[in-house]
Amino acid sequence: MAEKNEELENDVKKEEKKGKKEQEIVPKSEYDDLDDRYKRILAEFENFKKRSAKERENLYSSILSDVVAGMLPILDNLENAAKVETKDEEYKKGIELVLKQFQDTLKSKGVEEIKTVGETFDPELHEAVSSIQDDSKGEKEIVQEYRKGYKMGTKVIRHSMVVVAN
């Protein structure tokens, strides 16, 4: 039994020496190379996550603006319906409430009207359908709006159709 214990102790000591040698086998330069590769891969992954998040945001914005563009004619019709004179005031009030709800929903999604009358014509935001000569108005001043325009942030969803002076 004593011999078996001595053999086990010798085996354990050999394994400990072997483990220490294996730890010393990896050179520092190889460790540095692996550490550098790890850091580069980690940086690439972080960049990938940021790029993916930005692409998702752009895709969401693009889809939302397409959906809103499809709904703008409905908004135009609701605005026209609210302007019509009617004997039934409750009906008119209902149309105005639906219109207000529609506008509030668009506003909550970042959609805003493009300002027109009194502003200077900007081809990025406005589409000129006519021009008039009026000495009381400034150069390229918008005097009338045919159709409202809308934008989301800096992206124009629909250009305003306007009449420009001078």
N, C-alpha and C. Protein backbone atom coordinates (compact mmCIF):
# COMPACT_ATOMS: atom_id res chain seq x y z
N MET A 1 0.81 -1.18 0.00
CA MET A 1 0.00 0.00 0.00
C MET A 1 0.86 1.26 0.00
N ALA A 2 1.90 1.23 0.77
CA ALA A 2 2.79 2.36 0.84
C ALA A 2 3.41 2.62 -0.51
N GLU A 3 3.68 1.54 -1.25
CA GLU A 3 4.26 1.70 -2.59
C GLU A 3 3.27 2.38 -3.52
N LYS A 4 1.99 1.99 -3.44
CA LYS A 4 0.97 2.60 -4.29
C LYS A 4 0.83 4.08 -3.97
N ASN A 5 0.87 4.44 -2.69
CA ASN A 5 0.78 5.85 -2.31
C ASN A 5 1.94 6.64 -2.87
N GLU A 6 3.16 6.04 -2.81
CA GLU A 6 4.34 6.73 -3.34
C GLU A 6 4.21 6.90 -4.85
N GLU A 7 3.69 5.88 -5.55
CA GLU A 7 3.52 5.97 -7.00
C GLU A 7 2.50 7.06 -7.35
N LEU A 8 1.41 7.14 -6.59
CA LEU A 8 0.40 8.17 -6.84
C LEU A 8 0.97 9.56 -6.60
N GLU A 9 1.76 9.70 -5.53
CA GLU A 9 2.37 10.99 -5.26
C GLU A 9 3.33 11.38 -6.37
N ASN A 10 4.12 10.41 -6.86
CA ASN A 10 5.06 10.68 -7.95
C ASN A 10 4.30 11.08 -9.23
N ASP A 11 3.18 10.38 -9.51
CA ASP A 11 2.36 10.71 -10.70
C ASP A 11 1.80 12.13 -10.59
N VAL A 12 1.33 12.48 -9.38
CA VAL A 12 0.77 13.82 -9.18
C VAL A 12 1.86 14.87 -9.38
N LYS A 13 3.05 14.63 -8.86
CA LYS A 13 4.15 15.58 -9.01
C LYS A 13 4.54 15.73 -10.48
N LYS A 14 4.56 14.60 -11.22
CA LYS A 14 4.88 14.66 -12.65
C LYS A 14 3.82 15.49 -13.41
N GLU A 15 2.57 15.29 -13.07
CA GLU A 15 1.48 16.05 -13.74
C GLU A 15 1.59 17.55 -13.44
N GLU A 16 1.96 17.87 -12.18
CA GLU A 16 2.12 19.27 -11.83
C GLU A 16 3.26 19.91 -12.62
N LYS A 17 4.38 19.19 -12.74
CA LYS A 17 5.52 19.70 -13.51
C LYS A 17 5.13 19.86 -14.97
N LYS A 18 4.39 18.88 -15.49
CA LYS A 18 3.96 18.92 -16.89
C LYS A 18 3.04 20.12 -17.14
N GLY A 19 2.11 20.38 -16.21
CA GLY A 19 1.20 21.53 -16.32
C GLY A 19 1.96 22.84 -16.33
N LYS A 20 2.98 22.95 -15.46
CA LYS A 20 3.78 24.17 -15.43
C LYS A 20 4.53 24.36 -16.73
N LYS A 21 5.07 23.28 -17.30
CA LYS A 21 5.80 23.37 -18.56
C LYS A 21 4.86 23.79 -19.69
N GLU A 22 3.64 23.25 -19.71
CA GLU A 22 2.69 23.60 -20.75
C GLU A 22 2.30 25.08 -20.67
N GLN A 23 2.22 25.60 -19.45
CA GLN A 23 1.89 27.01 -19.29
C GLN A 23 3.03 27.88 -19.81
N GLU A 24 4.23 27.47 -19.67
CA GLU A 24 5.39 28.22 -20.10
C GLU A 24 5.65 28.07 -21.59
N ILE A 25 5.03 27.10 -22.25
CA ILE A 25 5.30 26.82 -23.66
C ILE A 25 4.81 27.95 -24.57
N VAL A 26 3.66 28.59 -24.25
CA VAL A 26 3.11 29.64 -25.10
C VAL A 26 3.98 30.88 -24.99
N PRO A 27 4.61 31.27 -26.09
CA PRO A 27 5.49 32.45 -26.04
C PRO A 27 4.67 33.74 -25.93
N LYS A 28 5.29 34.75 -25.40
CA LYS A 28 4.62 36.04 -25.21
C LYS A 28 4.21 36.65 -26.54
N SER A 29 5.00 36.51 -27.57
CA SER A 29 4.66 37.10 -28.87
C SER A 29 3.37 36.47 -29.43
N GLU A 30 3.23 35.16 -29.25
CA GLU A 30 2.01 34.49 -29.72
C GLU A 30 0.81 34.96 -28.92
N TYR A 31 1.00 35.13 -27.62
CA TYR A 31 -0.07 35.64 -26.77
C TYR A 31 -0.48 37.04 -27.23
N ASP A 32 0.51 37.89 -27.51
CA ASP A 32 0.22 39.25 -27.97
C ASP A 32 -0.53 39.24 -29.29
N ASP A 33 -0.14 38.34 -30.20
CA ASP A 33 -0.84 38.23 -31.49
C ASP A 33 -2.30 37.82 -31.28
N LEU A 34 -2.53 36.85 -30.42
CA LEU A 34 -3.90 36.41 -30.14
C LEU A 34 -4.72 37.51 -29.49
N ASP A 35 -4.08 38.24 -28.57
CA ASP A 35 -4.76 39.34 -27.90
C ASP A 35 -5.13 40.43 -28.91
N ASP A 36 -4.22 40.74 -29.82
CA ASP A 36 -4.47 41.75 -30.86
C ASP A 36 -5.62 41.30 -31.77
N ARG A 37 -5.61 40.05 -32.19
CA ARG A 37 -6.70 39.52 -33.04
C ARG A 37 -8.04 39.60 -32.32
N TYR A 38 -8.04 39.26 -31.05
CA TYR A 38 -9.27 39.32 -30.25
C TYR A 38 -9.81 40.75 -30.23
N LYS A 39 -8.94 41.72 -29.98
CA LYS A 39 -9.38 43.11 -29.91
C LYS A 39 -9.90 43.60 -31.26
N ARG A 40 -9.25 43.19 -32.34
CA ARG A 40 -9.71 43.61 -33.68
C ARG A 40 -11.07 43.00 -34.01
N ILE A 41 -11.25 41.74 -33.70
CA ILE A 41 -12.53 41.08 -33.96
C ILE A 41 -13.63 41.71 -33.12
N LEU A 42 -13.32 42.03 -31.88
CA LEU A 42 -14.30 42.68 -31.01
C LEU A 42 -14.69 44.06 -31.57
N ALA A 43 -13.71 44.82 -32.06
CA ALA A 43 -14.00 46.13 -32.65
C ALA A 43 -14.84 45.98 -33.91
N GLU A 44 -14.51 44.99 -34.75
CA GLU A 44 -15.30 44.74 -35.96
C GLU A 44 -16.75 44.40 -35.61
N PHE A 45 -16.93 43.60 -34.57
CA PHE A 45 -18.27 43.21 -34.15
C PHE A 45 -19.06 44.42 -33.66
N GLU A 46 -18.42 45.28 -32.88
CA GLU A 46 -19.09 46.50 -32.40
C GLU A 46 -19.50 47.39 -33.57
N ASN A 47 -18.62 47.53 -34.56
CA ASN A 47 -18.95 48.32 -35.75
C ASN A 47 -20.11 47.69 -36.51
N PHE A 48 -20.12 46.37 -36.60
CA PHE A 48 -21.22 45.67 -37.27
C PHE A 48 -22.55 45.94 -36.56
N LYS A 49 -22.53 45.89 -35.23
CA LYS A 49 -23.77 46.16 -34.47
C LYS A 49 -24.26 47.58 -34.73
N LYS A 50 -23.38 48.56 -34.73
CA LYS A 50 -23.76 49.94 -34.98
C LYS A 50 -24.31 50.11 -36.39
N ARG A 51 -23.62 49.52 -37.37
CA ARG A 51 -24.06 49.61 -38.76
C ARG A 51 -25.42 48.96 -38.96
N SER A 52 -25.64 47.82 -38.34
CA SER A 52 -26.92 47.12 -38.44
C SER A 52 -28.04 47.94 -37.81
N ALA A 53 -27.79 48.55 -36.68
CA ALA A 53 -28.80 49.38 -36.02
C ALA A 53 -29.16 50.58 -36.90
N LYS A 54 -28.15 51.19 -37.52
CA LYS A 54 -28.41 52.34 -38.39
C LYS A 54 -29.20 51.90 -39.63
N GLU A 55 -28.88 50.76 -40.20
CA GLU A 55 -29.62 50.25 -41.36
C GLU A 55 -31.07 49.96 -41.00
N ARG A 56 -31.31 49.38 -39.83
CA ARG A 56 -32.68 49.12 -39.38
C ARG A 56 -33.46 50.41 -39.22
N GLU A 57 -32.82 51.42 -38.64
CA GLU A 57 -33.47 52.73 -38.45
C GLU A 57 -33.82 53.35 -39.80
N ASN A 58 -32.89 53.30 -40.74
CA ASN A 58 -33.15 53.85 -42.08
C ASN A 58 -34.27 53.09 -42.78
N LEU A 59 -34.29 51.79 -42.64
CA LEU A 59 -35.34 50.98 -43.26
C LEU A 59 -36.70 51.30 -42.65
N TYR A 60 -36.76 51.44 -41.34
CA TYR A 60 -38.00 51.80 -40.66
C TYR A 60 -38.50 53.16 -41.15
N SER A 61 -37.60 54.12 -41.22
CA SER A 61 -37.96 55.47 -41.66
C SER A 61 -38.46 55.45 -43.10
N SER A 62 -37.82 54.69 -43.94
CA SER A 62 -38.22 54.59 -45.35
C SER A 62 -39.60 53.97 -45.49
N ILE A 63 -39.85 52.90 -44.78
CA ILE A 63 -41.15 52.23 -44.84
C ILE A 63 -42.24 53.14 -44.29
N LEU A 64 -41.96 53.81 -43.18
CA LEU A 64 -42.94 54.71 -42.58
C LEU A 64 -43.28 55.85 -43.54
N SER A 65 -42.28 56.42 -44.19
CA SER A 65 -42.56 57.52 -45.12
C SER A 65 -43.36 57.04 -46.32
N ASP A 66 -43.13 55.81 -46.78
CA ASP A 66 -43.92 55.26 -47.88
C ASP A 66 -45.38 55.07 -47.47
N VAL A 67 -45.60 54.58 -46.26
CA VAL A 67 -46.97 54.38 -45.76
C VAL A 67 -47.67 55.73 -45.61
N VAL A 68 -46.97 56.70 -45.04
CA VAL A 68 -47.55 58.03 -44.85
C VAL A 68 -47.87 58.66 -46.21
N ALA A 69 -46.99 58.50 -47.19
CA ALA A 69 -47.24 59.06 -48.52
C ALA A 69 -48.53 58.49 -49.11
N GLY A 70 -48.82 57.23 -48.86
CA GLY A 70 -50.05 56.62 -49.33
C GLY A 70 -51.29 57.14 -48.62
N MET A 71 -51.12 57.65 -47.41
CA MET A 71 -52.25 58.15 -46.63
C MET A 71 -52.52 59.64 -46.82
N LEU A 72 -51.59 60.36 -47.41
CA LEU A 72 -51.76 61.81 -47.55
C LEU A 72 -52.98 62.21 -48.38
N PRO A 73 -53.35 61.48 -49.44
CA PRO A 73 -54.59 61.84 -50.14
C PRO A 73 -55.82 61.72 -49.24
N ILE A 74 -55.81 60.77 -48.32
CA ILE A 74 -56.92 60.63 -47.37
C ILE A 74 -56.97 61.85 -46.46
N LEU A 75 -55.80 62.29 -46.01
CA LEU A 75 -55.72 63.49 -45.18
C LEU A 75 -56.25 64.71 -45.95
N ASP A 76 -55.88 64.82 -47.22
CA ASP A 76 -56.37 65.93 -48.05
C ASP A 76 -57.89 65.90 -48.12
N ASN A 77 -58.47 64.74 -48.32
CA ASN A 77 -59.92 64.62 -48.42
C ASN A 77 -60.61 64.95 -47.09
N LEU A 78 -60.00 64.55 -45.98
CA LEU A 78 -60.57 64.91 -44.68
C LEU A 78 -60.53 66.43 -44.46
N GLU A 79 -59.42 67.06 -44.85
CA GLU A 79 -59.33 68.51 -44.72
C GLU A 79 -60.38 69.20 -45.58
N ASN A 80 -60.58 68.70 -46.81
CA ASN A 80 -61.62 69.28 -47.69
C ASN A 80 -63.01 69.07 -47.10
N ALA A 81 -63.26 67.91 -46.52
CA ALA A 81 -64.56 67.62 -45.92
C ALA A 81 -64.82 68.54 -44.72
N ALA A 82 -63.76 68.87 -43.97
CA ALA A 82 -63.92 69.74 -42.81
C ALA A 82 -64.22 71.18 -43.23
N LYS A 83 -63.81 71.58 -44.43
CA LYS A 83 -64.03 72.94 -44.92
C LYS A 83 -65.45 73.14 -45.46
N VAL A 84 -66.11 72.07 -45.85
CA VAL A 84 -67.43 72.17 -46.48
C VAL A 84 -68.47 72.60 -45.45
N GLU A 85 -69.33 73.52 -45.86
CA GLU A 85 -70.41 73.97 -44.99
C GLU A 85 -71.52 72.91 -44.99
N THR A 86 -72.07 72.65 -43.82
CA THR A 86 -73.14 71.67 -43.69
C THR A 86 -74.13 72.13 -42.61
N LYS A 87 -75.36 71.66 -42.73
CA LYS A 87 -76.37 72.01 -41.74
C LYS A 87 -76.21 71.17 -40.47
N ASP A 88 -75.65 69.99 -40.62
CA ASP A 88 -75.47 69.06 -39.49
C ASP A 88 -74.13 69.35 -38.79
N GLU A 89 -74.19 70.11 -37.72
CA GLU A 89 -72.98 70.51 -37.00
C GLU A 89 -72.30 69.32 -36.32
N GLU A 90 -73.06 68.34 -35.89
CA GLU A 90 -72.47 67.14 -35.26
C GLU A 90 -71.64 66.36 -36.27
N TYR A 91 -72.12 66.28 -37.49
CA TYR A 91 -71.39 65.60 -38.57
C TYR A 91 -70.07 66.33 -38.82
N LYS A 92 -70.14 67.64 -38.92
CA LYS A 92 -68.94 68.45 -39.15
C LYS A 92 -67.95 68.28 -38.00
N LYS A 93 -68.48 68.27 -36.77
CA LYS A 93 -67.63 68.09 -35.59
C LYS A 93 -66.93 66.72 -35.63
N GLY A 94 -67.66 65.70 -36.06
CA GLY A 94 -67.08 64.35 -36.18
C GLY A 94 -65.94 64.31 -37.19
N ILE A 95 -66.14 64.95 -38.34
CA ILE A 95 -65.09 65.02 -39.37
C ILE A 95 -63.86 65.75 -38.81
N GLU A 96 -64.10 66.84 -38.10
CA GLU A 96 -62.98 67.60 -37.52
C GLU A 96 -62.22 66.79 -36.48
N LEU A 97 -62.94 66.00 -35.69
CA LEU A 97 -62.28 65.15 -34.68
C LEU A 97 -61.42 64.07 -35.34
N VAL A 98 -61.95 63.45 -36.40
CA VAL A 98 -61.18 62.43 -37.12
C VAL A 98 -59.95 63.07 -37.76
N LEU A 99 -60.13 64.25 -38.35
CA LEU A 99 -59.01 64.97 -38.95
C LEU A 99 -57.94 65.29 -37.91
N LYS A 100 -58.36 65.77 -36.75
CA LYS A 100 -57.41 66.10 -35.68
C LYS A 100 -56.66 64.85 -35.21
N GLN A 101 -57.37 63.74 -35.08
CA GLN A 101 -56.74 62.49 -34.66
C GLN A 101 -55.72 62.04 -35.70
N PHE A 102 -56.07 62.14 -36.97
CA PHE A 102 -55.17 61.77 -38.06
C PHE A 102 -53.91 62.64 -38.01
N GLN A 103 -54.08 63.94 -37.86
CA GLN A 103 -52.94 64.86 -37.81
C GLN A 103 -52.06 64.60 -36.59
N ASP A 104 -52.68 64.33 -35.45
CA ASP A 104 -51.92 64.03 -34.23
C ASP A 104 -51.10 62.75 -34.38
N THR A 105 -51.68 61.76 -35.03
CA THR A 105 -50.96 60.49 -35.25
C THR A 105 -49.75 60.72 -36.15
N LEU A 106 -49.94 61.47 -37.22
CA LEU A 106 -48.81 61.77 -38.10
C LEU A 106 -47.74 62.56 -37.37
N LYS A 107 -48.16 63.51 -36.56
CA LYS A 107 -47.21 64.33 -35.80
C LYS A 107 -46.40 63.46 -34.83
N SER A 108 -47.06 62.49 -34.21
CA SER A 108 -46.37 61.61 -33.26
C SER A 108 -45.32 60.74 -33.95
N LYS A 109 -45.48 60.53 -35.25
CA LYS A 109 -44.51 59.75 -36.03
C LYS A 109 -43.44 60.63 -36.66
N GLY A 110 -43.48 61.94 -36.37
CA GLY A 110 -42.44 62.84 -36.87
C GLY A 110 -42.77 63.49 -38.20
N VAL A 111 -44.01 63.38 -38.65
CA VAL A 111 -44.42 63.98 -39.91
C VAL A 111 -44.87 65.42 -39.63
N GLU A 112 -44.36 66.35 -40.42
CA GLU A 112 -44.75 67.75 -40.23
C GLU A 112 -45.04 68.41 -41.58
N GLU A 113 -45.91 69.41 -41.53
CA GLU A 113 -46.26 70.17 -42.73
C GLU A 113 -45.09 71.04 -43.15
N ILE A 114 -44.95 71.21 -44.46
CA ILE A 114 -43.95 72.14 -44.98
C ILE A 114 -44.61 73.52 -45.05
N LYS A 115 -43.96 74.52 -44.47
CA LYS A 115 -44.50 75.88 -44.47
C LYS A 115 -44.42 76.45 -45.88
N THR A 116 -45.46 77.19 -46.27
CA THR A 116 -45.49 77.69 -47.64
C THR A 116 -45.76 79.19 -47.73
N VAL A 117 -47.00 79.61 -47.57
CA VAL A 117 -47.41 80.99 -47.84
C VAL A 117 -46.58 81.95 -46.99
N GLY A 118 -45.96 82.92 -47.69
CA GLY A 118 -45.11 83.90 -47.02
C GLY A 118 -43.65 83.49 -46.95
N GLU A 119 -43.35 82.24 -47.25
CA GLU A 119 -41.98 81.75 -47.21
C GLU A 119 -41.31 81.95 -48.57
N THR A 120 -40.00 81.85 -48.61
CA THR A 120 -39.25 81.92 -49.86
C THR A 120 -39.29 80.56 -50.53
N PHE A 121 -39.47 80.55 -51.85
CA PHE A 121 -39.54 79.31 -52.61
C PHE A 121 -38.23 78.53 -52.48
N ASP A 122 -38.36 77.25 -52.16
CA ASP A 122 -37.21 76.34 -52.04
C ASP A 122 -37.52 75.10 -52.87
N PRO A 123 -36.80 74.88 -53.97
CA PRO A 123 -37.10 73.73 -54.83
C PRO A 123 -36.94 72.38 -54.14
N GLU A 124 -36.24 72.34 -53.01
CA GLU A 124 -36.11 71.10 -52.25
C GLU A 124 -37.41 70.74 -51.54
N LEU A 125 -38.23 71.77 -51.24
CA LEU A 125 -39.46 71.57 -50.47
C LEU A 125 -40.73 71.84 -51.27
N HIS A 126 -40.62 72.72 -52.25
CA HIS A 126 -41.81 73.19 -52.96
C HIS A 126 -41.75 72.86 -54.45
N GLU A 127 -42.93 72.74 -55.03
CA GLU A 127 -43.06 72.54 -56.48
C GLU A 127 -43.90 73.69 -57.02
N ALA A 128 -43.29 74.54 -57.85
CA ALA A 128 -43.99 75.70 -58.39
C ALA A 128 -44.86 75.26 -59.56
N VAL A 129 -46.15 75.53 -59.47
CA VAL A 129 -47.07 75.19 -60.56
C VAL A 129 -47.46 76.43 -61.35
N SER A 130 -47.16 77.60 -60.80
CA SER A 130 -47.52 78.84 -61.46
C SER A 130 -46.71 79.97 -60.84
N SER A 131 -46.62 81.09 -61.59
CA SER A 131 -45.98 82.27 -61.03
C SER A 131 -46.79 83.50 -61.41
N ILE A 132 -46.72 84.52 -60.57
CA ILE A 132 -47.42 85.77 -60.83
C ILE A 132 -46.47 86.93 -60.61
N GLN A 133 -46.82 88.07 -61.19
CA GLN A 133 -46.06 89.30 -60.95
C GLN A 133 -46.83 90.15 -59.95
N ASP A 134 -46.20 90.42 -58.83
CA ASP A 134 -46.84 91.23 -57.79
C ASP A 134 -45.75 92.05 -57.11
N ASP A 135 -45.79 93.36 -57.32
CA ASP A 135 -44.75 94.23 -56.76
C ASP A 135 -44.81 94.33 -55.25
N SER A 136 -45.95 93.99 -54.65
CA SER A 136 -46.06 94.06 -53.19
C SER A 136 -45.42 92.83 -52.50
N LYS A 137 -45.08 91.82 -53.28
CA LYS A 137 -44.46 90.60 -52.73
C LYS A 137 -42.97 90.59 -53.03
N GLY A 138 -42.23 89.85 -52.24
CA GLY A 138 -40.79 89.75 -52.41
C GLY A 138 -40.40 88.80 -53.53
N GLU A 139 -39.11 88.73 -53.80
CA GLU A 139 -38.56 87.85 -54.82
C GLU A 139 -38.74 86.39 -54.41
N LYS A 140 -39.32 85.59 -55.26
CA LYS A 140 -39.56 84.15 -55.04
C LYS A 140 -40.39 83.86 -53.78
N GLU A 141 -41.29 84.77 -53.45
CA GLU A 141 -42.15 84.57 -52.28
C GLU A 141 -43.36 83.74 -52.68
N ILE A 142 -43.72 82.79 -51.83
CA ILE A 142 -44.88 81.94 -52.10
C ILE A 142 -46.13 82.69 -51.69
N VAL A 143 -47.10 82.78 -52.64
CA VAL A 143 -48.32 83.54 -52.37
C VAL A 143 -49.55 82.65 -52.22
N GLN A 144 -49.49 81.43 -52.72
CA GLN A 144 -50.65 80.55 -52.62
C GLN A 144 -50.19 79.09 -52.60
N GLU A 145 -50.97 78.27 -51.91
CA GLU A 145 -50.66 76.84 -51.82
C GLU A 145 -51.81 76.05 -52.43
N TYR A 146 -51.49 75.19 -53.41
CA TYR A 146 -52.51 74.32 -54.01
C TYR A 146 -52.66 73.01 -53.25
N ARG A 147 -51.53 72.47 -52.85
CA ARG A 147 -51.53 71.19 -52.13
C ARG A 147 -50.44 71.23 -51.06
N LYS A 148 -50.78 70.79 -49.87
CA LYS A 148 -49.82 70.79 -48.76
C LYS A 148 -48.72 69.76 -49.01
N GLY A 149 -47.55 70.11 -48.52
CA GLY A 149 -46.42 69.20 -48.57
C GLY A 149 -46.07 68.75 -47.16
N TYR A 150 -45.42 67.58 -47.07
CA TYR A 150 -45.07 67.02 -45.76
C TYR A 150 -43.65 66.47 -45.80
N LYS A 151 -43.02 66.48 -44.63
CA LYS A 151 -41.68 65.91 -44.49
C LYS A 151 -41.55 65.19 -43.16
N MET A 152 -40.59 64.27 -43.12
CA MET A 152 -40.22 63.56 -41.88
C MET A 152 -38.75 63.86 -41.63
N GLY A 153 -38.48 64.65 -40.63
CA GLY A 153 -37.10 65.05 -40.40
C GLY A 153 -36.64 65.91 -41.56
N THR A 154 -35.63 65.45 -42.28
CA THR A 154 -35.15 66.18 -43.45
C THR A 154 -35.65 65.58 -44.75
N LYS A 155 -36.30 64.42 -44.67
CA LYS A 155 -36.78 63.75 -45.88
C LYS A 155 -38.16 64.27 -46.28
N VAL A 156 -38.27 64.74 -47.52
CA VAL A 156 -39.55 65.23 -48.03
C VAL A 156 -40.39 64.04 -48.49
N ILE A 157 -41.60 63.93 -47.94
CA ILE A 157 -42.51 62.86 -48.32
C ILE A 157 -43.32 63.28 -49.55
N ARG A 158 -43.78 64.54 -49.53
CA ARG A 158 -44.51 65.10 -50.66
C ARG A 158 -44.22 66.59 -50.72
N HIS A 159 -43.86 67.08 -51.91
CA HIS A 159 -43.56 68.50 -52.10
C HIS A 159 -44.86 69.31 -52.09
N SER A 160 -44.78 70.53 -51.61
CA SER A 160 -45.93 71.45 -51.65
C SER A 160 -46.08 72.00 -53.06
N MET A 161 -47.32 72.06 -53.55
CA MET A 161 -47.58 72.68 -54.85
C MET A 161 -47.98 74.12 -54.58
N VAL A 162 -47.21 75.06 -55.13
CA VAL A 162 -47.39 76.46 -54.77
C VAL A 162 -47.37 77.40 -55.98
N VAL A 163 -47.84 78.63 -55.74
CA VAL A 163 -47.74 79.72 -56.69
C VAL A 163 -46.69 80.69 -56.15
N VAL A 164 -45.76 81.08 -57.02
CA VAL A 164 -44.64 81.92 -56.61
C VAL A 164 -44.76 83.29 -57.25
N ALA A 165 -44.44 84.33 -56.49
CA ALA A 165 -44.46 85.70 -57.00
C ALA A 165 -43.09 86.10 -57.53
N ASN A 166 -43.13 86.92 -58.59
CA ASN A 166 -41.93 87.54 -59.17
C ASN A 166 -40.89 86.52 -59.59
